[in-house]
N, C-alpha and C. Protein backbone atom coordinates (compact mmCIF):
# COMPACT_ATOMS: atom_id res chain seq x y z
N UNK A 1 5.29 -22.21 -12.19
CA UNK A 1 4.95 -20.87 -11.71
C UNK A 1 5.42 -19.83 -12.72
N UNK A 2 4.59 -18.85 -13.00
CA UNK A 2 4.92 -17.83 -13.98
C UNK A 2 5.95 -16.85 -13.42
N UNK A 3 6.99 -16.58 -14.20
CA UNK A 3 8.01 -15.61 -13.78
C UNK A 3 7.49 -14.19 -13.93
N UNK A 4 8.19 -13.24 -13.31
CA UNK A 4 7.80 -11.83 -13.43
C UNK A 4 7.82 -11.38 -14.88
N UNK A 5 8.82 -11.84 -15.63
CA UNK A 5 8.93 -11.45 -17.03
C UNK A 5 7.76 -12.01 -17.84
N UNK A 6 7.39 -13.26 -17.57
CA UNK A 6 6.24 -13.85 -18.25
C UNK A 6 4.95 -13.11 -17.92
N UNK A 7 4.82 -12.73 -16.64
CA UNK A 7 3.63 -11.98 -16.23
C UNK A 7 3.55 -10.65 -16.95
N UNK A 8 4.68 -9.98 -17.09
CA UNK A 8 4.69 -8.69 -17.81
C UNK A 8 4.27 -8.89 -19.26
N UNK A 9 4.73 -9.99 -19.87
CA UNK A 9 4.36 -10.28 -21.26
C UNK A 9 2.86 -10.52 -21.38
N UNK A 10 2.31 -11.28 -20.45
CA UNK A 10 0.87 -11.57 -20.47
C UNK A 10 0.07 -10.29 -20.36
N UNK A 11 0.46 -9.42 -19.43
CA UNK A 11 -0.26 -8.16 -19.23
C UNK A 11 -0.12 -7.26 -20.45
N UNK A 12 1.09 -7.23 -21.04
CA UNK A 12 1.31 -6.38 -22.22
C UNK A 12 0.45 -6.85 -23.39
N UNK A 13 0.36 -8.15 -23.58
CA UNK A 13 -0.45 -8.69 -24.68
C UNK A 13 -1.94 -8.41 -24.47
N UNK A 14 -2.33 -8.27 -23.21
CA UNK A 14 -3.73 -7.95 -22.90
C UNK A 14 -4.01 -6.45 -23.05
N UNK A 15 -2.98 -5.68 -23.35
CA UNK A 15 -3.17 -4.24 -23.54
C UNK A 15 -3.27 -3.46 -22.24
N UNK A 16 -2.73 -4.02 -21.16
CA UNK A 16 -2.78 -3.34 -19.87
C UNK A 16 -1.56 -2.45 -19.68
N UNK A 17 -1.68 -1.48 -18.77
CA UNK A 17 -0.53 -0.70 -18.35
C UNK A 17 -0.23 0.55 -19.14
N UNK A 18 -1.18 1.03 -19.93
CA UNK A 18 -0.96 2.29 -20.64
C UNK A 18 -0.96 3.45 -19.64
N UNK A 19 -0.34 4.54 -20.04
CA UNK A 19 -0.25 5.69 -19.15
C UNK A 19 -1.52 6.53 -19.16
N UNK A 20 -1.69 7.31 -18.08
CA UNK A 20 -2.78 8.27 -18.01
C UNK A 20 -2.23 9.67 -18.23
N UNK A 21 -3.09 10.57 -18.67
CA UNK A 21 -2.68 11.95 -18.92
C UNK A 21 -2.95 12.79 -17.69
N UNK A 22 -1.89 13.26 -17.07
CA UNK A 22 -2.02 14.08 -15.87
C UNK A 22 -2.41 15.51 -16.25
N UNK A 23 -3.06 16.19 -15.32
CA UNK A 23 -3.54 17.54 -15.57
C UNK A 23 -2.60 18.62 -15.06
N UNK A 24 -3.13 19.83 -14.95
CA UNK A 24 -2.34 20.99 -14.56
C UNK A 24 -2.60 21.44 -13.12
N UNK A 25 -3.54 20.78 -12.44
CA UNK A 25 -3.90 21.20 -11.09
C UNK A 25 -3.91 19.99 -10.14
N UNK A 26 -2.72 19.44 -9.86
CA UNK A 26 -2.66 18.24 -9.03
C UNK A 26 -2.73 18.54 -7.54
N UNK A 27 -3.06 17.50 -6.79
CA UNK A 27 -2.95 17.51 -5.34
C UNK A 27 -2.09 16.32 -4.93
N UNK A 28 -1.49 16.43 -3.76
CA UNK A 28 -0.80 15.27 -3.17
C UNK A 28 -1.73 14.69 -2.11
N UNK A 29 -2.06 13.43 -2.27
CA UNK A 29 -2.94 12.72 -1.34
C UNK A 29 -2.12 11.70 -0.58
N UNK A 30 -2.05 11.88 0.73
CA UNK A 30 -1.23 11.01 1.59
C UNK A 30 -2.16 10.13 2.42
N UNK A 31 -2.17 8.86 2.09
CA UNK A 31 -3.09 7.92 2.73
C UNK A 31 -2.44 7.25 3.95
N UNK A 32 -3.00 7.52 5.11
CA UNK A 32 -2.70 6.75 6.33
C UNK A 32 -1.22 6.70 6.72
N UNK A 33 -0.49 7.78 6.46
CA UNK A 33 0.83 7.89 7.07
C UNK A 33 0.64 8.48 8.47
N UNK A 34 -0.20 7.79 9.23
CA UNK A 34 -0.40 8.14 10.63
C UNK A 34 0.60 7.34 11.46
N UNK A 35 0.79 7.76 12.70
CA UNK A 35 1.78 7.10 13.55
C UNK A 35 1.47 5.63 13.75
N UNK A 36 0.19 5.27 13.69
CA UNK A 36 -0.19 3.88 13.85
C UNK A 36 0.33 2.98 12.75
N UNK A 37 0.64 3.55 11.58
CA UNK A 37 1.16 2.76 10.48
C UNK A 37 2.65 2.97 10.25
N UNK A 38 3.20 4.08 10.71
CA UNK A 38 4.62 4.37 10.45
C UNK A 38 5.50 4.12 11.66
N UNK A 39 4.92 3.76 12.79
CA UNK A 39 5.67 3.49 14.01
C UNK A 39 5.53 2.00 14.35
N UNK A 40 6.64 1.25 14.36
CA UNK A 40 6.56 -0.17 14.68
C UNK A 40 6.06 -0.44 16.10
N UNK A 41 5.98 0.59 16.92
CA UNK A 41 5.46 0.42 18.27
C UNK A 41 3.98 0.11 18.30
N UNK A 42 3.27 0.38 17.21
CA UNK A 42 1.87 0.02 17.09
C UNK A 42 1.77 -1.34 16.41
N UNK A 43 0.81 -2.15 16.84
CA UNK A 43 0.66 -3.49 16.26
C UNK A 43 0.48 -3.45 14.75
N UNK A 44 -0.15 -2.39 14.25
CA UNK A 44 -0.40 -2.25 12.82
C UNK A 44 0.79 -1.67 12.07
N UNK A 45 1.76 -1.14 12.80
CA UNK A 45 2.80 -0.33 12.19
C UNK A 45 4.01 -1.12 11.71
N UNK A 46 4.82 -0.44 10.91
CA UNK A 46 6.11 -0.96 10.46
C UNK A 46 7.01 0.25 10.25
N UNK A 47 8.29 -0.01 10.07
CA UNK A 47 9.24 1.08 9.89
C UNK A 47 9.16 1.60 8.46
N UNK A 48 8.46 2.72 8.30
CA UNK A 48 8.31 3.32 6.98
C UNK A 48 9.09 4.64 6.89
N UNK A 49 10.20 4.69 7.60
CA UNK A 49 11.00 5.92 7.62
C UNK A 49 11.40 6.37 6.22
N UNK A 50 11.88 5.45 5.41
CA UNK A 50 12.33 5.80 4.06
C UNK A 50 11.19 6.37 3.24
N UNK A 51 10.01 5.74 3.34
CA UNK A 51 8.86 6.19 2.57
C UNK A 51 8.34 7.54 3.07
N UNK A 52 8.36 7.73 4.38
CA UNK A 52 7.93 9.01 4.95
C UNK A 52 8.87 10.13 4.51
N UNK A 53 10.16 9.88 4.54
CA UNK A 53 11.13 10.90 4.13
C UNK A 53 11.00 11.23 2.65
N UNK A 54 10.74 10.22 1.82
CA UNK A 54 10.53 10.46 0.40
C UNK A 54 9.28 11.30 0.17
N UNK A 55 8.23 11.00 0.92
CA UNK A 55 6.98 11.77 0.80
C UNK A 55 7.18 13.20 1.25
N UNK A 56 7.99 13.40 2.28
CA UNK A 56 8.27 14.77 2.74
C UNK A 56 8.96 15.57 1.63
N UNK A 57 9.84 14.95 0.87
CA UNK A 57 10.48 15.63 -0.26
C UNK A 57 9.43 16.08 -1.27
N UNK A 58 8.50 15.21 -1.55
CA UNK A 58 7.43 15.53 -2.50
C UNK A 58 6.55 16.65 -1.96
N UNK A 59 6.21 16.58 -0.68
CA UNK A 59 5.37 17.61 -0.07
C UNK A 59 6.05 18.97 -0.10
N UNK A 60 7.35 19.00 0.09
CA UNK A 60 8.06 20.28 0.06
C UNK A 60 7.91 20.96 -1.30
N UNK A 61 7.96 20.15 -2.37
CA UNK A 61 7.79 20.70 -3.72
C UNK A 61 6.35 21.19 -3.91
N UNK A 62 5.39 20.37 -3.49
CA UNK A 62 3.98 20.75 -3.64
C UNK A 62 3.66 22.03 -2.87
N UNK A 63 4.18 22.12 -1.66
CA UNK A 63 3.92 23.31 -0.83
C UNK A 63 4.54 24.56 -1.45
N UNK A 64 5.72 24.41 -2.00
CA UNK A 64 6.37 25.56 -2.64
C UNK A 64 5.56 26.06 -3.84
N UNK A 65 4.83 25.15 -4.48
CA UNK A 65 4.01 25.53 -5.63
C UNK A 65 2.60 25.96 -5.20
N UNK A 66 2.29 25.84 -3.93
CA UNK A 66 0.96 26.21 -3.45
C UNK A 66 -0.11 25.19 -3.82
N UNK A 67 0.28 23.94 -4.01
CA UNK A 67 -0.66 22.89 -4.42
C UNK A 67 -1.34 22.27 -3.20
N UNK A 68 -2.55 21.76 -3.38
CA UNK A 68 -3.26 21.16 -2.25
C UNK A 68 -2.58 19.89 -1.73
N UNK A 69 -2.59 19.74 -0.42
CA UNK A 69 -2.11 18.53 0.25
C UNK A 69 -3.24 18.03 1.13
N UNK A 70 -3.59 16.76 0.97
CA UNK A 70 -4.69 16.17 1.75
C UNK A 70 -4.19 14.86 2.36
N UNK A 71 -4.52 14.65 3.64
CA UNK A 71 -4.17 13.41 4.33
C UNK A 71 -5.43 12.64 4.68
N UNK A 72 -5.28 11.33 4.80
CA UNK A 72 -6.30 10.54 5.48
C UNK A 72 -5.67 9.83 6.66
N UNK A 73 -6.50 9.57 7.66
CA UNK A 73 -6.09 8.75 8.79
C UNK A 73 -7.29 7.89 9.18
N UNK A 74 -7.02 6.76 9.78
CA UNK A 74 -8.08 5.87 10.26
C UNK A 74 -8.27 6.10 11.74
N UNK A 75 -9.51 6.33 12.16
CA UNK A 75 -9.79 6.54 13.58
C UNK A 75 -11.18 6.07 13.94
N UNK A 76 -11.30 5.47 15.12
CA UNK A 76 -12.58 4.91 15.56
C UNK A 76 -12.96 5.46 16.93
N UNK A 77 -14.25 5.43 17.21
CA UNK A 77 -14.74 5.80 18.53
C UNK A 77 -14.35 4.71 19.54
N UNK A 78 -14.28 5.07 20.84
CA UNK A 78 -13.86 4.08 21.85
C UNK A 78 -14.69 2.81 21.86
N UNK A 79 -15.95 2.90 21.49
CA UNK A 79 -16.80 1.70 21.47
C UNK A 79 -16.40 0.74 20.37
N UNK A 80 -15.72 1.25 19.35
CA UNK A 80 -15.29 0.50 18.16
C UNK A 80 -16.45 0.00 17.31
N UNK A 81 -17.66 0.40 17.64
CA UNK A 81 -18.81 -0.04 16.86
C UNK A 81 -18.81 0.55 15.46
N UNK A 82 -18.13 1.69 15.30
CA UNK A 82 -18.05 2.30 13.98
C UNK A 82 -17.04 1.60 13.09
N UNK A 83 -16.37 0.58 13.61
CA UNK A 83 -15.41 -0.18 12.81
C UNK A 83 -16.04 -1.25 11.96
N UNK A 84 -17.29 -1.59 12.27
CA UNK A 84 -18.01 -2.57 11.46
C UNK A 84 -17.28 -3.91 11.36
N UNK A 85 -17.45 -4.55 10.21
CA UNK A 85 -16.88 -5.87 9.99
C UNK A 85 -15.35 -5.84 9.91
N UNK A 86 -14.80 -4.71 9.51
CA UNK A 86 -13.34 -4.59 9.40
C UNK A 86 -12.68 -4.86 10.76
N UNK A 87 -13.34 -4.45 11.84
CA UNK A 87 -12.80 -4.66 13.17
C UNK A 87 -12.74 -6.14 13.51
N UNK A 88 -13.68 -6.90 12.96
CA UNK A 88 -13.67 -8.35 13.17
C UNK A 88 -12.55 -9.00 12.38
N UNK A 89 -12.33 -8.52 11.18
CA UNK A 89 -11.28 -9.07 10.32
C UNK A 89 -9.89 -8.69 10.82
N UNK A 90 -9.74 -7.45 11.29
CA UNK A 90 -8.43 -6.95 11.74
C UNK A 90 -8.60 -6.31 13.13
N UNK A 91 -8.63 -7.10 14.20
CA UNK A 91 -8.87 -6.56 15.53
C UNK A 91 -7.86 -5.49 15.97
N UNK A 92 -6.64 -5.53 15.43
CA UNK A 92 -5.63 -4.54 15.81
C UNK A 92 -6.05 -3.12 15.44
N UNK A 93 -7.02 -2.98 14.53
CA UNK A 93 -7.52 -1.65 14.19
C UNK A 93 -8.10 -0.95 15.41
N UNK A 94 -8.45 -1.71 16.42
CA UNK A 94 -8.98 -1.13 17.65
C UNK A 94 -8.00 -0.21 18.35
N UNK A 95 -6.71 -0.32 18.01
CA UNK A 95 -5.71 0.60 18.59
C UNK A 95 -5.86 2.02 18.04
N UNK A 96 -6.54 2.17 16.91
CA UNK A 96 -6.64 3.47 16.24
C UNK A 96 -7.88 4.21 16.75
N UNK A 97 -7.80 4.70 17.98
CA UNK A 97 -8.94 5.37 18.59
C UNK A 97 -8.77 6.89 18.53
N UNK A 98 -9.85 7.57 18.21
CA UNK A 98 -9.83 9.02 18.09
C UNK A 98 -9.27 9.64 19.37
N UNK A 99 -8.39 10.61 19.19
CA UNK A 99 -7.75 11.26 20.31
C UNK A 99 -6.45 10.61 20.74
N UNK A 100 -6.18 9.42 20.23
CA UNK A 100 -4.94 8.73 20.57
C UNK A 100 -3.82 9.07 19.60
N UNK A 101 -2.59 8.79 20.02
CA UNK A 101 -1.43 9.20 19.22
C UNK A 101 -1.33 8.44 17.90
N UNK A 102 -1.89 7.22 17.85
CA UNK A 102 -1.75 6.44 16.62
C UNK A 102 -2.56 7.00 15.46
N UNK A 103 -3.51 7.86 15.74
CA UNK A 103 -4.33 8.47 14.68
C UNK A 103 -3.67 9.72 14.09
N UNK A 104 -2.72 10.30 14.82
CA UNK A 104 -2.06 11.53 14.37
C UNK A 104 -1.22 11.27 13.12
N UNK A 105 -1.22 12.25 12.22
CA UNK A 105 -0.33 12.19 11.05
C UNK A 105 1.11 12.23 11.53
N UNK A 106 1.96 11.41 10.92
CA UNK A 106 3.37 11.34 11.31
C UNK A 106 3.98 12.75 11.30
N UNK A 107 4.50 13.21 12.44
CA UNK A 107 5.02 14.58 12.50
C UNK A 107 6.20 14.84 11.58
N UNK A 108 6.87 13.79 11.12
CA UNK A 108 8.01 13.98 10.21
C UNK A 108 7.56 14.56 8.86
N UNK A 109 6.25 14.46 8.57
CA UNK A 109 5.72 15.07 7.35
C UNK A 109 5.45 16.56 7.54
N UNK A 110 5.52 17.02 8.78
CA UNK A 110 5.28 18.42 9.12
C UNK A 110 3.95 18.92 8.57
N UNK A 111 2.86 18.22 8.90
CA UNK A 111 1.54 18.66 8.40
C UNK A 111 1.22 20.07 8.84
N UNK A 112 0.59 20.84 7.96
CA UNK A 112 0.27 22.24 8.22
C UNK A 112 -1.21 22.42 8.53
N UNK A 113 -1.52 23.51 9.18
CA UNK A 113 -2.90 23.76 9.59
C UNK A 113 -3.85 23.89 8.41
N UNK A 114 -3.33 24.34 7.27
CA UNK A 114 -4.20 24.52 6.11
C UNK A 114 -4.27 23.28 5.22
N UNK A 115 -3.72 22.16 5.68
CA UNK A 115 -3.77 20.91 4.94
C UNK A 115 -4.82 19.99 5.58
N UNK A 116 -5.76 19.57 4.76
CA UNK A 116 -6.92 18.84 5.25
C UNK A 116 -6.56 17.43 5.71
N UNK A 117 -7.11 17.03 6.85
CA UNK A 117 -6.98 15.65 7.34
C UNK A 117 -8.38 15.04 7.38
N UNK A 118 -8.57 13.97 6.63
CA UNK A 118 -9.86 13.28 6.55
C UNK A 118 -9.79 11.98 7.35
N UNK A 119 -10.73 11.80 8.26
CA UNK A 119 -10.79 10.57 9.05
C UNK A 119 -11.67 9.57 8.30
N UNK A 120 -11.13 8.38 8.10
CA UNK A 120 -11.89 7.34 7.40
C UNK A 120 -11.99 6.08 8.26
N UNK A 121 -12.91 5.23 7.90
CA UNK A 121 -13.15 4.01 8.65
C UNK A 121 -13.18 2.79 7.75
N UNK A 122 -12.65 2.97 6.55
CA UNK A 122 -12.57 1.90 5.57
C UNK A 122 -11.25 1.99 4.83
N UNK A 123 -11.07 1.13 3.84
CA UNK A 123 -9.79 1.08 3.13
C UNK A 123 -9.60 2.28 2.19
N UNK A 124 -10.54 2.51 1.30
CA UNK A 124 -10.41 3.61 0.36
C UNK A 124 -10.57 4.96 1.05
N UNK A 125 -9.79 5.92 0.60
CA UNK A 125 -9.94 7.28 1.12
C UNK A 125 -11.29 7.88 0.82
N UNK A 126 -12.02 7.29 -0.13
CA UNK A 126 -13.32 7.83 -0.53
C UNK A 126 -14.49 7.20 0.22
N UNK A 127 -14.30 6.01 0.79
CA UNK A 127 -15.43 5.29 1.35
C UNK A 127 -15.96 5.99 2.61
N UNK A 128 -17.18 6.51 2.52
CA UNK A 128 -17.80 7.15 3.67
C UNK A 128 -17.20 8.48 4.06
N UNK A 129 -16.43 9.11 3.16
CA UNK A 129 -15.80 10.40 3.47
C UNK A 129 -16.21 11.46 2.44
N UNK A 130 -15.78 12.69 2.68
CA UNK A 130 -16.04 13.78 1.74
C UNK A 130 -14.80 14.11 0.90
N UNK A 131 -13.92 13.12 0.71
CA UNK A 131 -12.69 13.36 -0.05
C UNK A 131 -12.98 13.89 -1.45
N UNK A 132 -13.96 13.32 -2.12
CA UNK A 132 -14.27 13.79 -3.48
C UNK A 132 -14.63 15.26 -3.48
N UNK A 133 -15.44 15.70 -2.52
CA UNK A 133 -15.81 17.11 -2.43
C UNK A 133 -14.61 17.99 -2.16
N UNK A 134 -13.71 17.52 -1.31
CA UNK A 134 -12.50 18.29 -0.99
C UNK A 134 -11.66 18.50 -2.24
N UNK A 135 -11.52 17.47 -3.06
CA UNK A 135 -10.74 17.59 -4.29
C UNK A 135 -11.44 18.46 -5.32
N UNK A 136 -12.74 18.27 -5.47
CA UNK A 136 -13.49 19.03 -6.47
C UNK A 136 -13.47 20.52 -6.16
N UNK A 137 -13.68 20.89 -4.90
CA UNK A 137 -13.76 22.31 -4.55
C UNK A 137 -12.41 23.01 -4.65
N UNK A 138 -11.33 22.24 -4.70
CA UNK A 138 -10.01 22.85 -4.91
C UNK A 138 -9.55 22.70 -6.36
N UNK A 139 -10.51 22.36 -7.25
CA UNK A 139 -10.26 22.24 -8.69
C UNK A 139 -9.12 21.26 -9.02
N UNK A 140 -9.00 20.22 -8.23
CA UNK A 140 -7.96 19.22 -8.47
C UNK A 140 -8.35 18.36 -9.67
N UNK A 141 -7.40 18.23 -10.62
CA UNK A 141 -7.68 17.40 -11.79
C UNK A 141 -6.76 16.19 -11.90
N UNK A 142 -5.84 16.05 -10.97
CA UNK A 142 -4.90 14.93 -10.97
C UNK A 142 -4.39 14.73 -9.54
N UNK A 143 -3.92 13.53 -9.26
CA UNK A 143 -3.50 13.21 -7.89
C UNK A 143 -2.17 12.48 -7.90
N UNK A 144 -1.31 12.85 -6.96
CA UNK A 144 -0.13 12.05 -6.66
C UNK A 144 -0.41 11.35 -5.34
N UNK A 145 -0.40 10.03 -5.38
CA UNK A 145 -0.86 9.20 -4.27
C UNK A 145 0.32 8.61 -3.51
N UNK A 146 0.36 8.87 -2.21
CA UNK A 146 1.42 8.37 -1.33
C UNK A 146 0.79 7.69 -0.12
N UNK A 147 1.58 6.93 0.64
CA UNK A 147 1.07 6.44 1.90
C UNK A 147 1.17 4.94 2.09
N UNK A 148 0.27 4.41 2.92
CA UNK A 148 0.29 3.00 3.32
C UNK A 148 -1.14 2.48 3.49
N UNK A 149 -1.31 1.18 3.39
CA UNK A 149 -0.33 0.24 2.88
C UNK A 149 -0.61 -0.01 1.40
N UNK A 150 0.45 -0.35 0.67
CA UNK A 150 0.33 -0.51 -0.77
C UNK A 150 -0.75 -1.52 -1.15
N UNK A 151 -0.78 -2.62 -0.41
CA UNK A 151 -1.71 -3.70 -0.75
C UNK A 151 -3.11 -3.48 -0.20
N UNK A 152 -3.28 -2.48 0.66
CA UNK A 152 -4.57 -2.23 1.28
C UNK A 152 -5.17 -0.91 0.86
N UNK A 153 -4.92 0.12 1.66
CA UNK A 153 -5.59 1.40 1.45
C UNK A 153 -5.08 2.16 0.22
N UNK A 154 -3.82 1.96 -0.16
CA UNK A 154 -3.32 2.59 -1.38
C UNK A 154 -4.00 1.98 -2.60
N UNK A 155 -4.05 0.67 -2.64
CA UNK A 155 -4.70 0.01 -3.77
C UNK A 155 -6.18 0.41 -3.86
N UNK A 156 -6.87 0.36 -2.72
CA UNK A 156 -8.30 0.69 -2.71
C UNK A 156 -8.54 2.12 -3.17
N UNK A 157 -7.69 3.04 -2.73
CA UNK A 157 -7.85 4.44 -3.11
C UNK A 157 -7.49 4.66 -4.57
N UNK A 158 -6.47 3.96 -5.07
CA UNK A 158 -6.09 4.07 -6.48
C UNK A 158 -7.23 3.62 -7.38
N UNK A 159 -7.90 2.56 -7.00
CA UNK A 159 -9.05 2.07 -7.78
C UNK A 159 -10.14 3.15 -7.83
N UNK A 160 -10.45 3.73 -6.68
CA UNK A 160 -11.51 4.75 -6.65
C UNK A 160 -11.11 6.03 -7.37
N UNK A 161 -9.84 6.41 -7.30
CA UNK A 161 -9.39 7.58 -8.05
C UNK A 161 -9.64 7.39 -9.54
N UNK A 162 -9.32 6.21 -10.04
CA UNK A 162 -9.58 5.90 -11.45
C UNK A 162 -11.08 5.98 -11.74
N UNK A 163 -11.88 5.37 -10.87
CA UNK A 163 -13.32 5.28 -11.12
C UNK A 163 -14.00 6.64 -11.01
N UNK A 164 -13.45 7.53 -10.18
CA UNK A 164 -14.00 8.88 -10.08
C UNK A 164 -13.44 9.82 -11.15
N UNK A 165 -12.40 9.38 -11.85
CA UNK A 165 -11.90 10.17 -12.97
C UNK A 165 -10.70 11.04 -12.69
N UNK A 166 -9.93 10.75 -11.63
CA UNK A 166 -8.72 11.51 -11.35
C UNK A 166 -7.50 10.72 -11.82
N UNK A 167 -6.81 11.19 -12.87
CA UNK A 167 -5.55 10.57 -13.26
C UNK A 167 -4.57 10.61 -12.09
N UNK A 168 -3.84 9.52 -11.88
CA UNK A 168 -3.05 9.39 -10.66
C UNK A 168 -1.66 8.84 -10.94
N UNK A 169 -0.68 9.43 -10.25
CA UNK A 169 0.67 8.91 -10.18
C UNK A 169 0.90 8.33 -8.79
N UNK A 170 1.62 7.21 -8.73
CA UNK A 170 2.03 6.62 -7.45
C UNK A 170 3.55 6.53 -7.44
N UNK A 171 4.24 7.45 -6.75
CA UNK A 171 5.71 7.35 -6.66
C UNK A 171 6.08 6.14 -5.80
N UNK A 172 6.80 5.20 -6.37
CA UNK A 172 7.04 3.93 -5.66
C UNK A 172 7.81 4.13 -4.36
N UNK A 173 8.64 5.17 -4.29
CA UNK A 173 9.39 5.40 -3.06
C UNK A 173 8.51 5.95 -1.94
N UNK A 174 7.30 6.40 -2.28
CA UNK A 174 6.43 7.08 -1.32
C UNK A 174 5.29 6.22 -0.81
N UNK A 175 5.30 4.94 -1.13
CA UNK A 175 4.28 4.02 -0.61
C UNK A 175 4.98 2.83 0.03
N UNK A 176 4.36 2.28 1.07
CA UNK A 176 5.00 1.18 1.79
C UNK A 176 4.00 0.18 2.32
N UNK A 177 4.55 -0.96 2.71
CA UNK A 177 3.73 -2.06 3.22
C UNK A 177 4.54 -2.81 4.27
N UNK A 178 3.89 -3.78 4.91
CA UNK A 178 4.56 -4.53 5.97
C UNK A 178 5.49 -5.60 5.43
N UNK A 179 5.27 -6.01 4.20
CA UNK A 179 6.07 -7.07 3.60
C UNK A 179 6.31 -6.75 2.13
N UNK A 180 7.45 -7.20 1.62
CA UNK A 180 7.86 -6.84 0.26
C UNK A 180 6.98 -7.48 -0.82
N UNK A 181 6.59 -8.75 -0.63
CA UNK A 181 5.85 -9.45 -1.68
C UNK A 181 4.51 -8.78 -2.00
N UNK A 182 3.64 -8.50 -1.00
CA UNK A 182 2.39 -7.82 -1.34
C UNK A 182 2.61 -6.41 -1.86
N UNK A 183 3.64 -5.75 -1.38
CA UNK A 183 3.97 -4.40 -1.87
C UNK A 183 4.26 -4.44 -3.37
N UNK A 184 5.17 -5.31 -3.78
CA UNK A 184 5.57 -5.38 -5.18
C UNK A 184 4.42 -5.87 -6.06
N UNK A 185 3.68 -6.87 -5.59
CA UNK A 185 2.59 -7.41 -6.39
C UNK A 185 1.52 -6.36 -6.65
N UNK A 186 1.23 -5.56 -5.65
CA UNK A 186 0.19 -4.55 -5.82
C UNK A 186 0.66 -3.35 -6.62
N UNK A 187 1.93 -2.99 -6.53
CA UNK A 187 2.45 -1.95 -7.42
C UNK A 187 2.34 -2.41 -8.87
N UNK A 188 2.66 -3.67 -9.12
CA UNK A 188 2.54 -4.24 -10.46
C UNK A 188 1.10 -4.12 -10.97
N UNK A 189 0.15 -4.45 -10.12
CA UNK A 189 -1.25 -4.44 -10.53
C UNK A 189 -1.80 -3.02 -10.65
N UNK A 190 -1.37 -2.13 -9.76
CA UNK A 190 -1.80 -0.73 -9.85
C UNK A 190 -1.32 -0.13 -11.18
N UNK A 191 -0.07 -0.40 -11.53
CA UNK A 191 0.47 0.10 -12.79
C UNK A 191 -0.30 -0.47 -13.98
N UNK A 192 -0.69 -1.72 -13.89
CA UNK A 192 -1.38 -2.38 -15.01
C UNK A 192 -2.78 -1.84 -15.22
N UNK A 193 -3.47 -1.46 -14.12
CA UNK A 193 -4.91 -1.23 -14.24
C UNK A 193 -5.43 0.12 -13.74
N UNK A 194 -4.72 0.78 -12.82
CA UNK A 194 -5.37 1.89 -12.13
C UNK A 194 -4.63 3.22 -12.14
N UNK A 195 -3.32 3.22 -12.14
CA UNK A 195 -2.56 4.47 -12.03
C UNK A 195 -1.18 4.26 -12.63
N UNK A 196 -0.42 5.33 -12.74
CA UNK A 196 0.95 5.23 -13.25
C UNK A 196 1.92 5.17 -12.07
N UNK A 197 2.61 4.05 -11.93
CA UNK A 197 3.63 3.90 -10.89
C UNK A 197 4.93 4.47 -11.45
N UNK A 198 5.45 5.49 -10.78
CA UNK A 198 6.60 6.24 -11.28
C UNK A 198 7.66 6.36 -10.18
N UNK A 199 8.80 6.91 -10.53
CA UNK A 199 9.83 7.20 -9.52
C UNK A 199 9.50 8.51 -8.82
N UNK A 200 10.09 8.70 -7.66
CA UNK A 200 9.93 9.97 -6.94
C UNK A 200 10.43 11.13 -7.79
N UNK A 201 11.54 10.94 -8.48
CA UNK A 201 12.08 12.01 -9.32
C UNK A 201 11.12 12.38 -10.44
N UNK A 202 10.45 11.39 -11.03
CA UNK A 202 9.47 11.68 -12.08
C UNK A 202 8.30 12.47 -11.52
N UNK A 203 7.85 12.11 -10.33
CA UNK A 203 6.73 12.82 -9.72
C UNK A 203 7.10 14.26 -9.39
N UNK A 204 8.31 14.46 -8.89
CA UNK A 204 8.77 15.81 -8.57
C UNK A 204 8.90 16.64 -9.85
N UNK A 205 9.42 16.03 -10.90
CA UNK A 205 9.56 16.74 -12.18
C UNK A 205 8.19 17.18 -12.69
N UNK A 206 7.20 16.31 -12.56
CA UNK A 206 5.84 16.68 -12.95
C UNK A 206 5.33 17.85 -12.13
N UNK A 207 5.49 17.79 -10.81
CA UNK A 207 5.01 18.88 -9.96
C UNK A 207 5.71 20.19 -10.29
N UNK A 208 6.99 20.11 -10.55
CA UNK A 208 7.74 21.33 -10.87
C UNK A 208 7.29 21.94 -12.19
N UNK A 209 6.66 21.14 -13.04
CA UNK A 209 6.25 21.63 -14.35
C UNK A 209 4.87 22.23 -14.41
N UNK A 210 4.06 22.07 -13.33
CA UNK A 210 2.72 22.66 -13.36
C UNK A 210 2.79 24.10 -12.88
N UNK A 211 1.74 24.85 -13.17
CA UNK A 211 1.78 26.29 -12.91
C UNK A 211 1.75 26.63 -11.43
N UNK A 212 1.04 25.85 -10.64
CA UNK A 212 0.97 26.16 -9.22
C UNK A 212 -0.01 27.27 -8.92
N UNK A 213 -0.11 27.63 -7.66
CA UNK A 213 -1.04 28.65 -7.21
C UNK A 213 -0.42 30.04 -7.36
N UNK A 214 -1.21 30.97 -7.81
CA UNK A 214 -0.73 32.33 -7.95
C UNK A 214 -0.32 32.87 -6.58
N UNK A 215 0.88 33.42 -6.51
CA UNK A 215 1.35 33.98 -5.25
C UNK A 215 2.14 33.00 -4.40
N UNK A 216 2.27 31.74 -4.87
CA UNK A 216 3.05 30.75 -4.13
C UNK A 216 4.53 31.09 -4.27
N UNK A 217 5.36 30.66 -3.31
CA UNK A 217 6.80 30.93 -3.40
C UNK A 217 7.38 30.35 -4.68
N UNK A 218 8.36 31.02 -5.24
CA UNK A 218 8.98 30.54 -6.47
C UNK A 218 9.86 29.34 -6.18
């Protein structure tokens, strides 16, 4: 079995893992930090308290700079017919019904009325949604990606961010999963192919260095 160090060598020799150039007008995109994923009381959920608190730190910096904050949540109609094949693969998704508490953004993030919440029915934040339009109309040129789960919706969204042309940072403290092995494996792969996996402190330093919105609090 290949060790982690050997895997890093293989990827390095293949020329993977170079950095992307972030822009001057970033947004923070929070994927599926809804109560259904951050509360262990839901079948789909796990205790993501540490990751939610780290994301709140990041959001506080973004808000102070007047930068866009966008959330996604997964929600289905009571019939569950809008869940398609995913509902067959993961029946527990049926708990995420529109109007129910599991679809709400985790209140510990203190979501604001002027922060967009996009309802999705697939893994990527872009699939079947108007997320691209939301980012384009706010002149977003870079994204800091947070949320859950690392091996599912974070990975899928990171791939699409690359393909749509948004340079992306993923603060490792701000993403979570149900198990450590898929979390670590997917962070490794995201760093190699799709986005820059960084520390929370690095992401905050980047946000503090951009100009921000005119008239935002200092």
